[in-house]
N, C-alpha and C. Protein backbone atom coordinates (compact mmCIF):
# COMPACT_ATOMS: atom_id res chain seq x y z
N MET A 1 0.85 -1.17 0.00
CA MET A 1 0.00 0.00 0.00
C MET A 1 0.90 1.23 0.00
N ASP A 2 0.64 2.13 -0.93
CA ASP A 2 1.46 3.34 -0.97
C ASP A 2 1.06 4.28 0.17
N LYS A 3 1.89 5.26 0.44
CA LYS A 3 1.69 6.16 1.59
C LYS A 3 0.38 6.94 1.50
N LYS A 4 0.02 7.38 0.30
CA LYS A 4 -1.20 8.17 0.12
C LYS A 4 -2.43 7.31 0.45
N THR A 5 -2.44 6.09 -0.05
CA THR A 5 -3.55 5.17 0.21
C THR A 5 -3.61 4.80 1.69
N GLU A 6 -2.45 4.57 2.27
CA GLU A 6 -2.39 4.23 3.69
C GLU A 6 -2.94 5.36 4.55
N LYS A 7 -2.56 6.59 4.23
CA LYS A 7 -3.05 7.75 4.99
C LYS A 7 -4.56 7.87 4.86
N LYS A 8 -5.09 7.67 3.66
CA LYS A 8 -6.53 7.75 3.46
C LYS A 8 -7.23 6.67 4.27
N TYR A 9 -6.70 5.46 4.26
CA TYR A 9 -7.29 4.36 5.02
C TYR A 9 -7.30 4.70 6.51
N ILE A 10 -6.19 5.19 7.02
CA ILE A 10 -6.10 5.55 8.44
C ILE A 10 -7.11 6.65 8.78
N ASP A 11 -7.23 7.64 7.91
CA ASP A 11 -8.20 8.72 8.14
C ASP A 11 -9.63 8.17 8.19
N ILE A 12 -9.95 7.27 7.28
CA ILE A 12 -11.29 6.66 7.26
C ILE A 12 -11.53 5.87 8.55
N MET A 13 -10.55 5.08 8.95
CA MET A 13 -10.70 4.27 10.16
C MET A 13 -10.83 5.14 11.41
N ARG A 14 -10.12 6.25 11.46
CA ARG A 14 -10.19 7.13 12.63
C ARG A 14 -11.56 7.78 12.76
N ARG A 15 -12.27 7.94 11.65
CA ARG A 15 -13.60 8.55 11.69
C ARG A 15 -14.67 7.55 12.15
N LYS A 16 -14.35 6.29 12.12
CA LYS A 16 -15.30 5.26 12.54
C LYS A 16 -15.35 5.20 14.07
N SER A 17 -16.49 4.74 14.57
CA SER A 17 -16.62 4.58 16.02
C SER A 17 -15.76 3.41 16.48
N GLY A 18 -15.50 3.37 17.77
CA GLY A 18 -14.75 2.25 18.34
C GLY A 18 -15.46 0.93 18.09
N GLU A 19 -16.79 0.95 18.17
CA GLU A 19 -17.57 -0.26 17.93
C GLU A 19 -17.40 -0.73 16.49
N ASP A 20 -17.43 0.19 15.54
CA ASP A 20 -17.24 -0.17 14.13
C ASP A 20 -15.84 -0.73 13.89
N ARG A 21 -14.83 -0.11 14.50
CA ARG A 21 -13.45 -0.60 14.31
C ARG A 21 -13.29 -2.00 14.90
N LEU A 22 -13.92 -2.22 16.06
CA LEU A 22 -13.85 -3.54 16.67
C LEU A 22 -14.53 -4.58 15.80
N LYS A 23 -15.69 -4.25 15.23
CA LYS A 23 -16.39 -5.17 14.35
C LYS A 23 -15.54 -5.50 13.13
N ILE A 24 -14.89 -4.51 12.55
CA ILE A 24 -14.02 -4.73 11.39
C ILE A 24 -12.87 -5.67 11.79
N ALA A 25 -12.28 -5.42 12.94
CA ALA A 25 -11.17 -6.26 13.41
C ALA A 25 -11.63 -7.70 13.62
N MET A 26 -12.80 -7.88 14.21
CA MET A 26 -13.30 -9.23 14.46
C MET A 26 -13.64 -9.94 13.14
N ASP A 27 -14.21 -9.20 12.19
CA ASP A 27 -14.50 -9.78 10.88
C ASP A 27 -13.21 -10.20 10.17
N LEU A 28 -12.18 -9.37 10.27
CA LEU A 28 -10.89 -9.72 9.65
C LEU A 28 -10.28 -10.95 10.32
N ARG A 29 -10.43 -11.05 11.64
CA ARG A 29 -9.93 -12.21 12.37
C ARG A 29 -10.62 -13.47 11.88
N LYS A 30 -11.95 -13.41 11.74
CA LYS A 30 -12.70 -14.57 11.25
C LYS A 30 -12.23 -14.97 9.86
N LEU A 31 -11.99 -13.98 9.01
CA LEU A 31 -11.53 -14.27 7.65
C LEU A 31 -10.16 -14.95 7.67
N VAL A 32 -9.26 -14.45 8.49
CA VAL A 32 -7.92 -15.04 8.59
C VAL A 32 -8.02 -16.48 9.08
N LEU A 33 -8.87 -16.73 10.06
CA LEU A 33 -9.03 -18.09 10.57
C LEU A 33 -9.60 -19.02 9.50
N LYS A 34 -10.56 -18.54 8.71
CA LYS A 34 -11.12 -19.36 7.64
C LYS A 34 -10.07 -19.68 6.58
N ILE A 35 -9.25 -18.69 6.24
CA ILE A 35 -8.20 -18.92 5.25
C ILE A 35 -7.17 -19.91 5.78
N ALA A 36 -6.78 -19.75 7.04
CA ALA A 36 -5.81 -20.67 7.64
C ALA A 36 -6.39 -22.08 7.70
N GLU A 37 -7.65 -22.20 8.09
CA GLU A 37 -8.30 -23.51 8.16
C GLU A 37 -8.37 -24.17 6.78
N ALA A 38 -8.70 -23.39 5.77
CA ALA A 38 -8.76 -23.93 4.41
C ALA A 38 -7.39 -24.42 3.96
N GLY A 39 -6.35 -23.67 4.29
CA GLY A 39 -4.99 -24.09 3.93
C GLY A 39 -4.59 -25.39 4.61
N ILE A 40 -4.95 -25.52 5.87
CA ILE A 40 -4.63 -26.74 6.62
C ILE A 40 -5.38 -27.93 6.02
N LYS A 41 -6.67 -27.73 5.73
CA LYS A 41 -7.47 -28.81 5.13
C LYS A 41 -6.94 -29.19 3.75
N ASN A 42 -6.47 -28.21 3.00
CA ASN A 42 -5.90 -28.48 1.68
C ASN A 42 -4.64 -29.34 1.79
N GLN A 43 -3.82 -29.05 2.79
CA GLN A 43 -2.59 -29.81 2.99
C GLN A 43 -2.83 -31.16 3.66
N ASN A 44 -3.96 -31.28 4.37
CA ASN A 44 -4.28 -32.51 5.12
C ASN A 44 -5.75 -32.87 4.87
N PRO A 45 -6.07 -33.41 3.71
CA PRO A 45 -7.48 -33.63 3.33
C PRO A 45 -8.28 -34.52 4.29
N ASN A 46 -7.64 -35.43 4.97
CA ASN A 46 -8.34 -36.37 5.85
C ASN A 46 -8.19 -36.02 7.33
N ILE A 47 -7.91 -34.77 7.63
CA ILE A 47 -7.65 -34.35 9.00
C ILE A 47 -8.94 -34.42 9.83
N SER A 48 -8.80 -34.86 11.07
CA SER A 48 -9.94 -34.92 11.98
C SER A 48 -10.20 -33.52 12.55
N PRO A 49 -11.40 -33.27 13.05
CA PRO A 49 -11.69 -31.96 13.66
C PRO A 49 -10.72 -31.61 14.80
N LYS A 50 -10.36 -32.62 15.60
CA LYS A 50 -9.44 -32.39 16.72
C LYS A 50 -8.04 -32.01 16.20
N GLU A 51 -7.57 -32.73 15.19
CA GLU A 51 -6.26 -32.40 14.61
C GLU A 51 -6.29 -31.04 13.93
N LEU A 52 -7.40 -30.73 13.26
CA LEU A 52 -7.54 -29.42 12.62
C LEU A 52 -7.43 -28.30 13.64
N LYS A 53 -8.10 -28.47 14.77
CA LYS A 53 -8.04 -27.46 15.83
C LYS A 53 -6.59 -27.28 16.31
N ALA A 54 -5.88 -28.38 16.51
CA ALA A 54 -4.49 -28.31 16.96
C ALA A 54 -3.60 -27.61 15.92
N HIS A 55 -3.78 -27.96 14.65
CA HIS A 55 -2.99 -27.33 13.58
C HIS A 55 -3.30 -25.83 13.49
N LEU A 56 -4.59 -25.49 13.62
CA LEU A 56 -4.99 -24.09 13.54
C LEU A 56 -4.39 -23.29 14.70
N GLN A 57 -4.43 -23.85 15.91
CA GLN A 57 -3.82 -23.18 17.05
C GLN A 57 -2.33 -22.98 16.83
N LYS A 58 -1.67 -24.00 16.31
CA LYS A 58 -0.23 -23.91 16.05
C LYS A 58 0.05 -22.82 15.02
N ARG A 59 -0.76 -22.77 13.96
CA ARG A 59 -0.54 -21.78 12.90
C ARG A 59 -0.80 -20.36 13.41
N VAL A 60 -1.86 -20.18 14.18
CA VAL A 60 -2.24 -18.84 14.63
C VAL A 60 -1.35 -18.34 15.78
N TYR A 61 -1.11 -19.21 16.76
CA TYR A 61 -0.39 -18.79 17.96
C TYR A 61 1.09 -19.18 17.98
N GLY A 62 1.49 -20.07 17.08
CA GLY A 62 2.88 -20.51 17.04
C GLY A 62 3.16 -21.69 17.94
N PHE A 63 2.15 -22.15 18.67
CA PHE A 63 2.31 -23.31 19.54
C PHE A 63 0.91 -23.86 19.83
N ASN A 64 0.85 -25.11 20.27
CA ASN A 64 -0.43 -25.70 20.65
C ASN A 64 -0.79 -25.27 22.06
N LEU A 65 -2.02 -24.83 22.21
CA LEU A 65 -2.48 -24.42 23.55
C LEU A 65 -2.88 -25.64 24.33
N PRO A 66 -2.55 -25.66 25.63
CA PRO A 66 -2.81 -26.86 26.44
C PRO A 66 -4.24 -26.91 26.97
N PHE A 67 -5.21 -27.10 26.08
CA PHE A 67 -6.60 -27.21 26.51
C PHE A 67 -6.90 -28.65 26.89
N LYS A 68 -7.53 -28.83 28.02
CA LYS A 68 -7.92 -30.16 28.46
C LYS A 68 -9.43 -30.30 28.27
N ASN A 69 -9.84 -31.47 27.86
CA ASN A 69 -11.26 -31.80 27.72
C ASN A 69 -12.01 -30.80 26.85
N SER A 70 -11.34 -30.22 25.86
CA SER A 70 -12.04 -29.28 24.98
C SER A 70 -12.74 -30.07 23.89
N SER A 71 -13.94 -29.64 23.55
CA SER A 71 -14.66 -30.34 22.48
C SER A 71 -14.40 -29.65 21.17
N GLY A 72 -14.35 -30.43 20.09
CA GLY A 72 -14.03 -30.06 18.75
C GLY A 72 -14.53 -28.84 18.20
């Protein structure tokens, strides 16, 4: 993104309410998770839901989170 476009984007975002910015951030997070999940499934077509969750955690956080008794 060039500097002029970046400045315009920042100006637009600053005019939005905190609630709107949070919604945008959460929507972007969901999109990133869907893309990461699709990539994992593409690389591992027969992956179980439990394994998918572990791979997704590793990809997003850089390590597997130690959840006990978590459901899929």
